[in-house]
């Protein structure tokens, strides 16, 4: 279950971040959007 949640997190995060990589110190966007992506990213990574 944990690995499945991580897999879903990778898929969702990749979709959300598509085309947004601007290299070092990429802008973080609005707080609500960033926090949502960050939590899913942490689930995917951790």
ModelCIF file with pLDDT and N, C-alpha, C, O atoms, coordinates in Angstrom:
data_MODEL
#
_entry.id   MODEL 
#
_entity.id                         1 
_entity.type                       polymer 
_entity.pdbx_number_of_molecules   1 
#
_entity_poly.entity_id                      1 
_entity_poly.type                           'polypeptide(L)' 
_entity_poly.nstd_linkage                   no 
_entity_poly.nstd_monomer                   no 
_entity_poly.pdbx_seq_one_letter_code       
;(UNK)(UNK)(UNK)(UNK)(UNK)(UNK)(UNK)(UNK)(UNK)(UNK)(UNK)(UNK)(UNK)(UNK)(UNK)(UNK)
(UNK)(UNK)(UNK)(UNK)(UNK)(UNK)(UNK)(UNK)(UNK)(UNK)(UNK)(UNK)(UNK)(UNK)(UNK)(UNK)
(UNK)(UNK)(UNK)(UNK)(UNK)(UNK)(UNK)(UNK)(UNK)(UNK)(UNK)(UNK)(UNK)(UNK)
;
_entity_poly.pdbx_seq_one_letter_code_can   XXXXXXXXXXXXXXXXXXXXXXXXXXXXXXXXXXXXXXXXXXXXXX 
_entity_poly.pdbx_strand_id                 A 
#
loop_
_entity_poly_seq.entity_id 
_entity_poly_seq.num 
_entity_poly_seq.mon_id 
_entity_poly_seq.hetero 
1 1  UNK n 
1 2  UNK n 
1 3  UNK n 
1 4  UNK n 
1 5  UNK n 
1 6  UNK n 
1 7  UNK n 
1 8  UNK n 
1 9  UNK n 
1 10 UNK n 
1 11 UNK n 
1 12 UNK n 
1 13 UNK n 
1 14 UNK n 
1 15 UNK n 
1 16 UNK n 
1 17 UNK n 
1 18 UNK n 
1 19 UNK n 
1 20 UNK n 
1 21 UNK n 
1 22 UNK n 
1 23 UNK n 
1 24 UNK n 
1 25 UNK n 
1 26 UNK n 
1 27 UNK n 
1 28 UNK n 
1 29 UNK n 
1 30 UNK n 
1 31 UNK n 
1 32 UNK n 
1 33 UNK n 
1 34 UNK n 
1 35 UNK n 
1 36 UNK n 
1 37 UNK n 
1 38 UNK n 
1 39 UNK n 
1 40 UNK n 
1 41 UNK n 
1 42 UNK n 
1 43 UNK n 
1 44 UNK n 
1 45 UNK n 
1 46 UNK n 
#
_struct_asym.id          A 
_struct_asym.entity_id   1 
#
loop_
_ma_qa_metric.id 
_ma_qa_metric.mode 
_ma_qa_metric.name 
_ma_qa_metric.software_group_id 
_ma_qa_metric.type 
1 global pLDDT . pLDDT 
2 local  pLDDT . pLDDT 
#
_ma_qa_metric_global.metric_id      1 
_ma_qa_metric_global.metric_value   92.17 
_ma_qa_metric_global.model_id       1 
_ma_qa_metric_global.ordinal_id     1 
#
loop_
_ma_qa_metric_local.label_asym_id 
_ma_qa_metric_local.label_comp_id 
_ma_qa_metric_local.label_seq_id 
_ma_qa_metric_local.metric_id 
_ma_qa_metric_local.metric_value 
_ma_qa_metric_local.model_id 
_ma_qa_metric_local.ordinal_id 
A UNK 1  2 91.00 1 1  
A UNK 2  2 92.00 1 2  
A UNK 3  2 92.00 1 3  
A UNK 4  2 95.00 1 4  
A UNK 5  2 92.00 1 5  
A UNK 6  2 95.00 1 6  
A UNK 7  2 95.00 1 7  
A UNK 8  2 95.00 1 8  
A UNK 9  2 94.00 1 9  
A UNK 10 2 95.00 1 10 
A UNK 11 2 95.00 1 11 
A UNK 12 2 94.00 1 12 
A UNK 13 2 93.00 1 13 
A UNK 14 2 91.00 1 14 
A UNK 15 2 91.00 1 15 
A UNK 16 2 89.00 1 16 
A UNK 17 2 89.00 1 17 
A UNK 18 2 88.00 1 18 
A UNK 19 2 86.00 1 19 
A UNK 20 2 89.00 1 20 
A UNK 21 2 89.00 1 21 
A UNK 22 2 89.00 1 22 
A UNK 23 2 88.00 1 23 
A UNK 24 2 91.00 1 24 
A UNK 25 2 88.00 1 25 
A UNK 26 2 88.00 1 26 
A UNK 27 2 87.00 1 27 
A UNK 28 2 90.00 1 28 
A UNK 29 2 88.00 1 29 
A UNK 30 2 92.00 1 30 
A UNK 31 2 94.00 1 31 
A UNK 32 2 93.00 1 32 
A UNK 33 2 93.00 1 33 
A UNK 34 2 94.00 1 34 
A UNK 35 2 94.00 1 35 
A UNK 36 2 94.00 1 36 
A UNK 37 2 94.00 1 37 
A UNK 38 2 95.00 1 38 
A UNK 39 2 95.00 1 39 
A UNK 40 2 95.00 1 40 
A UNK 41 2 95.00 1 41 
A UNK 42 2 95.00 1 42 
A UNK 43 2 95.00 1 43 
A UNK 44 2 95.00 1 44 
A UNK 45 2 94.00 1 45 
A UNK 46 2 94.00 1 46 
#
loop_
_atom_site.group_PDB 
_atom_site.id 
_atom_site.type_symbol 
_atom_site.label_atom_id 
_atom_site.label_alt_id 
_atom_site.label_comp_id 
_atom_site.label_asym_id 
_atom_site.label_entity_id 
_atom_site.label_seq_id 
_atom_site.pdbx_PDB_ins_code 
_atom_site.Cartn_x 
_atom_site.Cartn_y 
_atom_site.Cartn_z 
_atom_site.occupancy 
_atom_site.B_iso_or_equiv 
_atom_site.pdbx_formal_charge 
_atom_site.auth_seq_id 
_atom_site.auth_comp_id 
_atom_site.auth_asym_id 
_atom_site.auth_atom_id 
_atom_site.pdbx_PDB_model_num 
ATOM 1   N N  . UNK A 1 1  ? 0.837  -1.207 0.000   1.00 91.00 ? 1  UNK A N  1 
ATOM 2   C CA . UNK A 1 1  ? 0.000  0.000  0.000   1.00 91.00 ? 1  UNK A CA 1 
ATOM 3   C C  . UNK A 1 1  ? 0.869  1.253  0.000   1.00 91.00 ? 1  UNK A C  1 
ATOM 4   O O  . UNK A 1 1  ? 0.601  2.193  -0.747  1.00 91.00 ? 1  UNK A O  1 
ATOM 5   N N  . UNK A 1 2  ? 1.911  1.272  0.835   1.00 92.00 ? 2  UNK A N  1 
ATOM 6   C CA . UNK A 1 2  ? 2.797  2.435  0.902   1.00 92.00 ? 2  UNK A CA 1 
ATOM 7   C C  . UNK A 1 2  ? 3.517  2.661  -0.425  1.00 92.00 ? 2  UNK A C  1 
ATOM 8   O O  . UNK A 1 2  ? 3.648  3.796  -0.885  1.00 92.00 ? 2  UNK A O  1 
ATOM 9   N N  . UNK A 1 3  ? 3.982  1.573  -1.034  1.00 92.00 ? 3  UNK A N  1 
ATOM 10  C CA . UNK A 1 3  ? 4.652  1.716  -2.329  1.00 92.00 ? 3  UNK A CA 1 
ATOM 11  C C  . UNK A 1 3  ? 3.660  2.156  -3.407  1.00 92.00 ? 3  UNK A C  1 
ATOM 12  O O  . UNK A 1 3  ? 4.016  2.927  -4.298  1.00 92.00 ? 3  UNK A O  1 
ATOM 13  N N  . UNK A 1 4  ? 2.429  1.674  -3.332  1.00 95.00 ? 4  UNK A N  1 
ATOM 14  C CA . UNK A 1 4  ? 1.414  2.103  -4.300  1.00 95.00 ? 4  UNK A CA 1 
ATOM 15  C C  . UNK A 1 4  ? 1.116  3.591  -4.138  1.00 95.00 ? 4  UNK A C  1 
ATOM 16  O O  . UNK A 1 4  ? 0.979  4.313  -5.126  1.00 95.00 ? 4  UNK A O  1 
ATOM 17  N N  . UNK A 1 5  ? 1.016  4.049  -2.884  1.00 92.00 ? 5  UNK A N  1 
ATOM 18  C CA . UNK A 1 5  ? 0.800  5.483  -2.634  1.00 92.00 ? 5  UNK A CA 1 
ATOM 19  C C  . UNK A 1 5  ? 1.978  6.301  -3.154  1.00 92.00 ? 5  UNK A C  1 
ATOM 20  O O  . UNK A 1 5  ? 1.797  7.383  -3.713  1.00 92.00 ? 5  UNK A O  1 
ATOM 21  N N  . UNK A 1 6  ? 3.190  5.772  -2.964  1.00 95.00 ? 6  UNK A N  1 
ATOM 22  C CA . UNK A 1 6  ? 4.370  6.459  -3.490  1.00 95.00 ? 6  UNK A CA 1 
ATOM 23  C C  . UNK A 1 6  ? 4.313  6.521  -5.013  1.00 95.00 ? 6  UNK A C  1 
ATOM 24  O O  . UNK A 1 6  ? 4.634  7.550  -5.608  1.00 95.00 ? 6  UNK A O  1 
ATOM 25  N N  . UNK A 1 7  ? 3.904  5.418  -5.646  1.00 95.00 ? 7  UNK A N  1 
ATOM 26  C CA . UNK A 1 7  ? 3.801  5.404  -7.105  1.00 95.00 ? 7  UNK A CA 1 
ATOM 27  C C  . UNK A 1 7  ? 2.800  6.412  -7.627  1.00 95.00 ? 7  UNK A C  1 
ATOM 28  O O  . UNK A 1 7  ? 3.057  7.112  -8.606  1.00 95.00 ? 7  UNK A O  1 
ATOM 29  N N  . UNK A 1 8  ? 1.648  6.480  -6.960  1.00 95.00 ? 8  UNK A N  1 
ATOM 30  C CA . UNK A 1 8  ? 0.646  7.484  -7.347  1.00 95.00 ? 8  UNK A CA 1 
ATOM 31  C C  . UNK A 1 8  ? 1.213  8.888  -7.148  1.00 95.00 ? 8  UNK A C  1 
ATOM 32  O O  . UNK A 1 8  ? 0.976  9.788  -7.954  1.00 95.00 ? 8  UNK A O  1 
ATOM 33  N N  . UNK A 1 9  ? 1.969  9.061  -6.055  1.00 94.00 ? 9  UNK A N  1 
ATOM 34  C CA . UNK A 1 9  ? 2.582  10.365 -5.805  1.00 94.00 ? 9  UNK A CA 1 
ATOM 35  C C  . UNK A 1 9  ? 3.558  10.759 -6.899  1.00 94.00 ? 9  UNK A C  1 
ATOM 36  O O  . UNK A 1 9  ? 3.578  11.915 -7.324  1.00 94.00 ? 9  UNK A O  1 
ATOM 37  N N  . UNK A 1 10 ? 4.372  9.809  -7.363  1.00 95.00 ? 10 UNK A N  1 
ATOM 38  C CA . UNK A 1 10 ? 5.305  10.099 -8.457  1.00 95.00 ? 10 UNK A CA 1 
ATOM 39  C C  . UNK A 1 10 ? 4.542  10.492 -9.729  1.00 95.00 ? 10 UNK A C  1 
ATOM 40  O O  . UNK A 1 10 ? 4.899  11.454 -10.409 1.00 95.00 ? 10 UNK A O  1 
ATOM 41  N N  . UNK A 1 11 ? 3.500  9.738  -10.030 1.00 95.00 ? 11 UNK A N  1 
ATOM 42  C CA . UNK A 1 11 ? 2.716  10.031 -11.240 1.00 95.00 ? 11 UNK A CA 1 
ATOM 43  C C  . UNK A 1 11 ? 2.079  11.411 -11.154 1.00 95.00 ? 11 UNK A C  1 
ATOM 44  O O  . UNK A 1 11 ? 2.164  12.195 -12.099 1.00 95.00 ? 11 UNK A O  1 
ATOM 45  N N  . UNK A 1 12 ? 1.442  11.712 -10.027 1.00 94.00 ? 12 UNK A N  1 
ATOM 46  C CA . UNK A 1 12 ? 0.739  12.993 -9.880  1.00 94.00 ? 12 UNK A CA 1 
ATOM 47  C C  . UNK A 1 12 ? 1.732  14.155 -9.873  1.00 94.00 ? 12 UNK A C  1 
ATOM 48  O O  . UNK A 1 12 ? 1.500  15.184 -10.508 1.00 94.00 ? 12 UNK A O  1 
ATOM 49  N N  . UNK A 1 13 ? 2.841  13.979 -9.149  1.00 93.00 ? 13 UNK A N  1 
ATOM 50  C CA . UNK A 1 13 ? 3.839  15.047 -9.079  1.00 93.00 ? 13 UNK A CA 1 
ATOM 51  C C  . UNK A 1 13 ? 4.439  15.329 -10.448 1.00 93.00 ? 13 UNK A C  1 
ATOM 52  O O  . UNK A 1 13 ? 4.630  16.488 -10.814 1.00 93.00 ? 13 UNK A O  1 
ATOM 53  N N  . UNK A 1 14 ? 4.739  14.279 -11.207 1.00 91.00 ? 14 UNK A N  1 
ATOM 54  C CA . UNK A 1 14 ? 5.304  14.465 -12.550 1.00 91.00 ? 14 UNK A CA 1 
ATOM 55  C C  . UNK A 1 14 ? 4.348  15.254 -13.430 1.00 91.00 ? 14 UNK A C  1 
ATOM 56  O O  . UNK A 1 14 ? 4.780  16.095 -14.218 1.00 91.00 ? 14 UNK A O  1 
ATOM 57  N N  . UNK A 1 15 ? 3.050  14.989 -13.304 1.00 91.00 ? 15 UNK A N  1 
ATOM 58  C CA . UNK A 1 15 ? 2.060  15.739 -14.089 1.00 91.00 ? 15 UNK A CA 1 
ATOM 59  C C  . UNK A 1 15 ? 2.009  17.198 -13.661 1.00 91.00 ? 15 UNK A C  1 
ATOM 60  O O  . UNK A 1 15 ? 1.969  18.096 -14.502 1.00 91.00 ? 15 UNK A O  1 
ATOM 61  N N  . UNK A 1 16 ? 2.009  17.431 -12.363 1.00 89.00 ? 16 UNK A N  1 
ATOM 62  C CA . UNK A 1 16 ? 1.905  18.793 -11.852 1.00 89.00 ? 16 UNK A CA 1 
ATOM 63  C C  . UNK A 1 16 ? 3.128  19.635 -12.199 1.00 89.00 ? 16 UNK A C  1 
ATOM 64  O O  . UNK A 1 16 ? 3.012  20.838 -12.434 1.00 89.00 ? 16 UNK A O  1 
ATOM 65  N N  . UNK A 1 17 ? 4.302  19.003 -12.231 1.00 89.00 ? 17 UNK A N  1 
ATOM 66  C CA . UNK A 1 17 ? 5.539  19.751 -12.429 1.00 89.00 ? 17 UNK A CA 1 
ATOM 67  C C  . UNK A 1 17 ? 5.992  19.775 -13.883 1.00 89.00 ? 17 UNK A C  1 
ATOM 68  O O  . UNK A 1 17 ? 7.055  20.314 -14.191 1.00 89.00 ? 17 UNK A O  1 
ATOM 69  N N  . UNK A 1 18 ? 5.209  19.204 -14.765 1.00 88.00 ? 18 UNK A N  1 
ATOM 70  C CA . UNK A 1 18 ? 5.598  19.138 -16.172 1.00 88.00 ? 18 UNK A CA 1 
ATOM 71  C C  . UNK A 1 18 ? 5.815  20.534 -16.744 1.00 88.00 ? 18 UNK A C  1 
ATOM 72  O O  . UNK A 1 18 ? 4.930  21.387 -16.678 1.00 88.00 ? 18 UNK A O  1 
ATOM 73  N N  . UNK A 1 19 ? 6.986  20.756 -17.299 1.00 86.00 ? 19 UNK A N  1 
ATOM 74  C CA . UNK A 1 19 ? 7.313  22.043 -17.910 1.00 86.00 ? 19 UNK A CA 1 
ATOM 75  C C  . UNK A 1 19 ? 7.627  23.151 -16.928 1.00 86.00 ? 19 UNK A C  1 
ATOM 76  O O  . UNK A 1 19 ? 7.791  24.299 -17.342 1.00 86.00 ? 19 UNK A O  1 
ATOM 77  N N  . UNK A 1 20 ? 7.717  22.852 -15.638 1.00 89.00 ? 20 UNK A N  1 
ATOM 78  C CA . UNK A 1 20 ? 7.922  23.898 -14.630 1.00 89.00 ? 20 UNK A CA 1 
ATOM 79  C C  . UNK A 1 20 ? 9.365  23.979 -14.140 1.00 89.00 ? 20 UNK A C  1 
ATOM 80  O O  . UNK A 1 20 ? 9.706  24.889 -13.384 1.00 89.00 ? 20 UNK A O  1 
ATOM 81  N N  . UNK A 1 21 ? 10.210 23.050 -14.553 1.00 89.00 ? 21 UNK A N  1 
ATOM 82  C CA . UNK A 1 21 ? 11.593 23.056 -14.086 1.00 89.00 ? 21 UNK A CA 1 
ATOM 83  C C  . UNK A 1 21 ? 12.367 24.200 -14.734 1.00 89.00 ? 21 UNK A C  1 
ATOM 84  O O  . UNK A 1 21 ? 12.592 24.201 -15.944 1.00 89.00 ? 21 UNK A O  1 
ATOM 85  N N  . UNK A 1 22 ? 12.768 25.165 -13.925 1.00 89.00 ? 22 UNK A N  1 
ATOM 86  C CA . UNK A 1 22 ? 13.560 26.297 -14.396 1.00 89.00 ? 22 UNK A CA 1 
ATOM 87  C C  . UNK A 1 22 ? 14.966 26.262 -13.825 1.00 89.00 ? 22 UNK A C  1 
ATOM 88  O O  . UNK A 1 22 ? 15.662 27.277 -13.802 1.00 89.00 ? 22 UNK A O  1 
ATOM 89  N N  . UNK A 1 23 ? 15.384 25.079 -13.360 1.00 88.00 ? 23 UNK A N  1 
ATOM 90  C CA . UNK A 1 23 ? 16.730 24.936 -12.840 1.00 88.00 ? 23 UNK A CA 1 
ATOM 91  C C  . UNK A 1 23 ? 16.834 25.359 -11.386 1.00 88.00 ? 23 UNK A C  1 
ATOM 92  O O  . UNK A 1 23 ? 15.830 25.376 -10.674 1.00 88.00 ? 23 UNK A O  1 
ATOM 93  N N  . UNK A 1 24 ? 18.037 25.700 -10.935 1.00 91.00 ? 24 UNK A N  1 
ATOM 94  C CA . UNK A 1 24 ? 18.239 26.106 -9.543  1.00 91.00 ? 24 UNK A CA 1 
ATOM 95  C C  . UNK A 1 24 ? 17.320 27.244 -9.133  1.00 91.00 ? 24 UNK A C  1 
ATOM 96  O O  . UNK A 1 24 ? 17.124 28.215 -9.864  1.00 91.00 ? 24 UNK A O  1 
ATOM 97  N N  . UNK A 1 25 ? 16.765 27.088 -7.935  1.00 88.00 ? 25 UNK A N  1 
ATOM 98  C CA . UNK A 1 25 ? 15.888 28.092 -7.328  1.00 88.00 ? 25 UNK A CA 1 
ATOM 99  C C  . UNK A 1 25 ? 14.654 28.380 -8.181  1.00 88.00 ? 25 UNK A C  1 
ATOM 100 O O  . UNK A 1 25 ? 14.235 29.529 -8.315  1.00 88.00 ? 25 UNK A O  1 
ATOM 101 N N  . UNK A 1 26 ? 14.079 27.324 -8.757  1.00 88.00 ? 26 UNK A N  1 
ATOM 102 C CA . UNK A 1 26 ? 12.818 27.458 -9.484  1.00 88.00 ? 26 UNK A CA 1 
ATOM 103 C C  . UNK A 1 26 ? 11.769 28.071 -8.569  1.00 88.00 ? 26 UNK A C  1 
ATOM 104 O O  . UNK A 1 26 ? 11.694 27.730 -7.389  1.00 88.00 ? 26 UNK A O  1 
ATOM 105 N N  . UNK A 1 27 ? 10.953 28.980 -9.114  1.00 87.00 ? 27 UNK A N  1 
ATOM 106 C CA . UNK A 1 27 ? 9.896  29.613 -8.336  1.00 87.00 ? 27 UNK A CA 1 
ATOM 107 C C  . UNK A 1 27 ? 8.939  28.582 -7.742  1.00 87.00 ? 27 UNK A C  1 
ATOM 108 O O  . UNK A 1 27 ? 8.652  27.563 -8.370  1.00 87.00 ? 27 UNK A O  1 
ATOM 109 N N  . UNK A 1 28 ? 8.443  28.850 -6.523  1.00 90.00 ? 28 UNK A N  1 
ATOM 110 C CA . UNK A 1 28 ? 7.617  27.883 -5.809  1.00 90.00 ? 28 UNK A CA 1 
ATOM 111 C C  . UNK A 1 28 ? 6.123  28.095 -6.012  1.00 90.00 ? 28 UNK A C  1 
ATOM 112 O O  . UNK A 1 28 ? 5.326  27.269 -5.567  1.00 90.00 ? 28 UNK A O  1 
ATOM 113 N N  . UNK A 1 29 ? 5.725  29.168 -6.666  1.00 88.00 ? 29 UNK A N  1 
ATOM 114 C CA . UNK A 1 29 ? 4.310  29.408 -6.892  1.00 88.00 ? 29 UNK A CA 1 
ATOM 115 C C  . UNK A 1 29 ? 3.603  29.864 -5.631  1.00 88.00 ? 29 UNK A C  1 
ATOM 116 O O  . UNK A 1 29 ? 4.243  30.320 -4.684  1.00 88.00 ? 29 UNK A O  1 
ATOM 117 N N  . UNK A 1 30 ? 2.274  29.742 -5.617  1.00 92.00 ? 30 UNK A N  1 
ATOM 118 C CA . UNK A 1 30 ? 1.475  30.150 -4.458  1.00 92.00 ? 30 UNK A CA 1 
ATOM 119 C C  . UNK A 1 30 ? 1.637  29.132 -3.334  1.00 92.00 ? 30 UNK A C  1 
ATOM 120 O O  . UNK A 1 30 ? 1.948  27.967 -3.584  1.00 92.00 ? 30 UNK A O  1 
ATOM 121 N N  . UNK A 1 31 ? 1.427  29.571 -2.107  1.00 94.00 ? 31 UNK A N  1 
ATOM 122 C CA . UNK A 1 31 ? 1.646  28.720 -0.940  1.00 94.00 ? 31 UNK A CA 1 
ATOM 123 C C  . UNK A 1 31 ? 0.787  27.458 -0.988  1.00 94.00 ? 31 UNK A C  1 
ATOM 124 O O  . UNK A 1 31 ? 1.291  26.356 -0.772  1.00 94.00 ? 31 UNK A O  1 
ATOM 125 N N  . UNK A 1 32 ? -0.507 27.613 -1.269  1.00 93.00 ? 32 UNK A N  1 
ATOM 126 C CA . UNK A 1 32 ? -1.400 26.461 -1.281  1.00 93.00 ? 32 UNK A CA 1 
ATOM 127 C C  . UNK A 1 32 ? -0.992 25.437 -2.317  1.00 93.00 ? 32 UNK A C  1 
ATOM 128 O O  . UNK A 1 32 ? -0.986 24.238 -2.039  1.00 93.00 ? 32 UNK A O  1 
ATOM 129 N N  . UNK A 1 33 ? -0.648 25.901 -3.515  1.00 93.00 ? 33 UNK A N  1 
ATOM 130 C CA . UNK A 1 33 ? -0.230 24.980 -4.579  1.00 93.00 ? 33 UNK A CA 1 
ATOM 131 C C  . UNK A 1 33 ? 1.065  24.279 -4.198  1.00 93.00 ? 33 UNK A C  1 
ATOM 132 O O  . UNK A 1 33 ? 1.179  23.061 -4.329  1.00 93.00 ? 33 UNK A O  1 
ATOM 133 N N  . UNK A 1 34 ? 2.043  25.051 -3.727  1.00 94.00 ? 34 UNK A N  1 
ATOM 134 C CA . UNK A 1 34 ? 3.330  24.464 -3.363  1.00 94.00 ? 34 UNK A CA 1 
ATOM 135 C C  . UNK A 1 34 ? 3.182  23.447 -2.248  1.00 94.00 ? 34 UNK A C  1 
ATOM 136 O O  . UNK A 1 34 ? 3.778  22.372 -2.310  1.00 94.00 ? 34 UNK A O  1 
ATOM 137 N N  . UNK A 1 35 ? 2.392  23.769 -1.224  1.00 94.00 ? 35 UNK A N  1 
ATOM 138 C CA . UNK A 1 35 ? 2.251  22.859 -0.093  1.00 94.00 ? 35 UNK A CA 1 
ATOM 139 C C  . UNK A 1 35 ? 1.610  21.545 -0.526  1.00 94.00 ? 35 UNK A C  1 
ATOM 140 O O  . UNK A 1 35 ? 2.015  20.473 -0.077  1.00 94.00 ? 35 UNK A O  1 
ATOM 141 N N  . UNK A 1 36 ? 0.603  21.633 -1.407  1.00 94.00 ? 36 UNK A N  1 
ATOM 142 C CA . UNK A 1 36 ? -0.024 20.414 -1.906  1.00 94.00 ? 36 UNK A CA 1 
ATOM 143 C C  . UNK A 1 36 ? 0.957  19.544 -2.670  1.00 94.00 ? 36 UNK A C  1 
ATOM 144 O O  . UNK A 1 36 ? 1.023  18.335 -2.453  1.00 94.00 ? 36 UNK A O  1 
ATOM 145 N N  . UNK A 1 37 ? 1.723  20.160 -3.568  1.00 94.00 ? 37 UNK A N  1 
ATOM 146 C CA . UNK A 1 37 ? 2.715  19.412 -4.348  1.00 94.00 ? 37 UNK A CA 1 
ATOM 147 C C  . UNK A 1 37 ? 3.810  18.872 -3.433  1.00 94.00 ? 37 UNK A C  1 
ATOM 148 O O  . UNK A 1 37 ? 4.279  17.749 -3.621  1.00 94.00 ? 37 UNK A O  1 
ATOM 149 N N  . UNK A 1 38 ? 4.213  19.655 -2.457  1.00 95.00 ? 38 UNK A N  1 
ATOM 150 C CA . UNK A 1 38 ? 5.287  19.251 -1.553  1.00 95.00 ? 38 UNK A CA 1 
ATOM 151 C C  . UNK A 1 38 ? 4.901  18.008 -0.750  1.00 95.00 ? 38 UNK A C  1 
ATOM 152 O O  . UNK A 1 38 ? 5.697  17.077 -0.628  1.00 95.00 ? 38 UNK A O  1 
ATOM 153 N N  . UNK A 1 39 ? 3.691  17.989 -0.205  1.00 95.00 ? 39 UNK A N  1 
ATOM 154 C CA . UNK A 1 39 ? 3.263  16.843 0.603   1.00 95.00 ? 39 UNK A CA 1 
ATOM 155 C C  . UNK A 1 39 ? 3.211  15.575 -0.250  1.00 95.00 ? 39 UNK A C  1 
ATOM 156 O O  . UNK A 1 39 ? 3.661  14.513 0.180   1.00 95.00 ? 39 UNK A O  1 
ATOM 157 N N  . UNK A 1 40 ? 2.664  15.689 -1.447  1.00 95.00 ? 40 UNK A N  1 
ATOM 158 C CA . UNK A 1 40 ? 2.616  14.520 -2.331  1.00 95.00 ? 40 UNK A CA 1 
ATOM 159 C C  . UNK A 1 40 ? 4.029  14.102 -2.728  1.00 95.00 ? 40 UNK A C  1 
ATOM 160 O O  . UNK A 1 40 ? 4.330  12.912 -2.821  1.00 95.00 ? 40 UNK A O  1 
ATOM 161 N N  . UNK A 1 41 ? 4.886  15.082 -2.960  1.00 95.00 ? 41 UNK A N  1 
ATOM 162 C CA . UNK A 1 41 ? 6.281  14.797 -3.306  1.00 95.00 ? 41 UNK A CA 1 
ATOM 163 C C  . UNK A 1 41 ? 6.982  14.046 -2.181  1.00 95.00 ? 41 UNK A C  1 
ATOM 164 O O  . UNK A 1 41 ? 7.735  13.105 -2.431  1.00 95.00 ? 41 UNK A O  1 
ATOM 165 N N  . UNK A 1 42 ? 6.730  14.465 -0.935  1.00 95.00 ? 42 UNK A N  1 
ATOM 166 C CA . UNK A 1 42 ? 7.346  13.789 0.195   1.00 95.00 ? 42 UNK A CA 1 
ATOM 167 C C  . UNK A 1 42 ? 6.841  12.353 0.329   1.00 95.00 ? 42 UNK A C  1 
ATOM 168 O O  . UNK A 1 42 ? 7.608  11.449 0.657   1.00 95.00 ? 42 UNK A O  1 
ATOM 169 N N  . UNK A 1 43 ? 5.557  12.150 0.076   1.00 95.00 ? 43 UNK A N  1 
ATOM 170 C CA . UNK A 1 43 ? 5.026  10.778 0.099   1.00 95.00 ? 43 UNK A CA 1 
ATOM 171 C C  . UNK A 1 43 ? 5.706  9.935  -0.965  1.00 95.00 ? 43 UNK A C  1 
ATOM 172 O O  . UNK A 1 43 ? 6.070  8.785  -0.715  1.00 95.00 ? 43 UNK A O  1 
ATOM 173 N N  . UNK A 1 44 ? 5.877  10.500 -2.144  1.00 95.00 ? 44 UNK A N  1 
ATOM 174 C CA . UNK A 1 44 ? 6.518  9.770  -3.238  1.00 95.00 ? 44 UNK A CA 1 
ATOM 175 C C  . UNK A 1 44 ? 7.969  9.446  -2.911  1.00 95.00 ? 44 UNK A C  1 
ATOM 176 O O  . UNK A 1 44 ? 8.428  8.332  -3.166  1.00 95.00 ? 44 UNK A O  1 
ATOM 177 N N  . UNK A 1 45 ? 8.688  10.399 -2.353  1.00 94.00 ? 45 UNK A N  1 
ATOM 178 C CA . UNK A 1 45 ? 10.111 10.224 -2.095  1.00 94.00 ? 45 UNK A CA 1 
ATOM 179 C C  . UNK A 1 45 ? 10.399 9.392  -0.853  1.00 94.00 ? 45 UNK A C  1 
ATOM 180 O O  . UNK A 1 45 ? 11.357 8.620  -0.834  1.00 94.00 ? 45 UNK A O  1 
ATOM 181 N N  . UNK A 1 46 ? 9.574  9.544  0.192   1.00 94.00 ? 46 UNK A N  1 
ATOM 182 C CA . UNK A 1 46 ? 9.906  8.998  1.501   1.00 94.00 ? 46 UNK A CA 1 
ATOM 183 C C  . UNK A 1 46 ? 9.208  7.690  1.849   1.00 94.00 ? 46 UNK A C  1 
ATOM 184 O O  . UNK A 1 46 ? 9.420  7.146  2.933   1.00 94.00 ? 46 UNK A O  1 
#
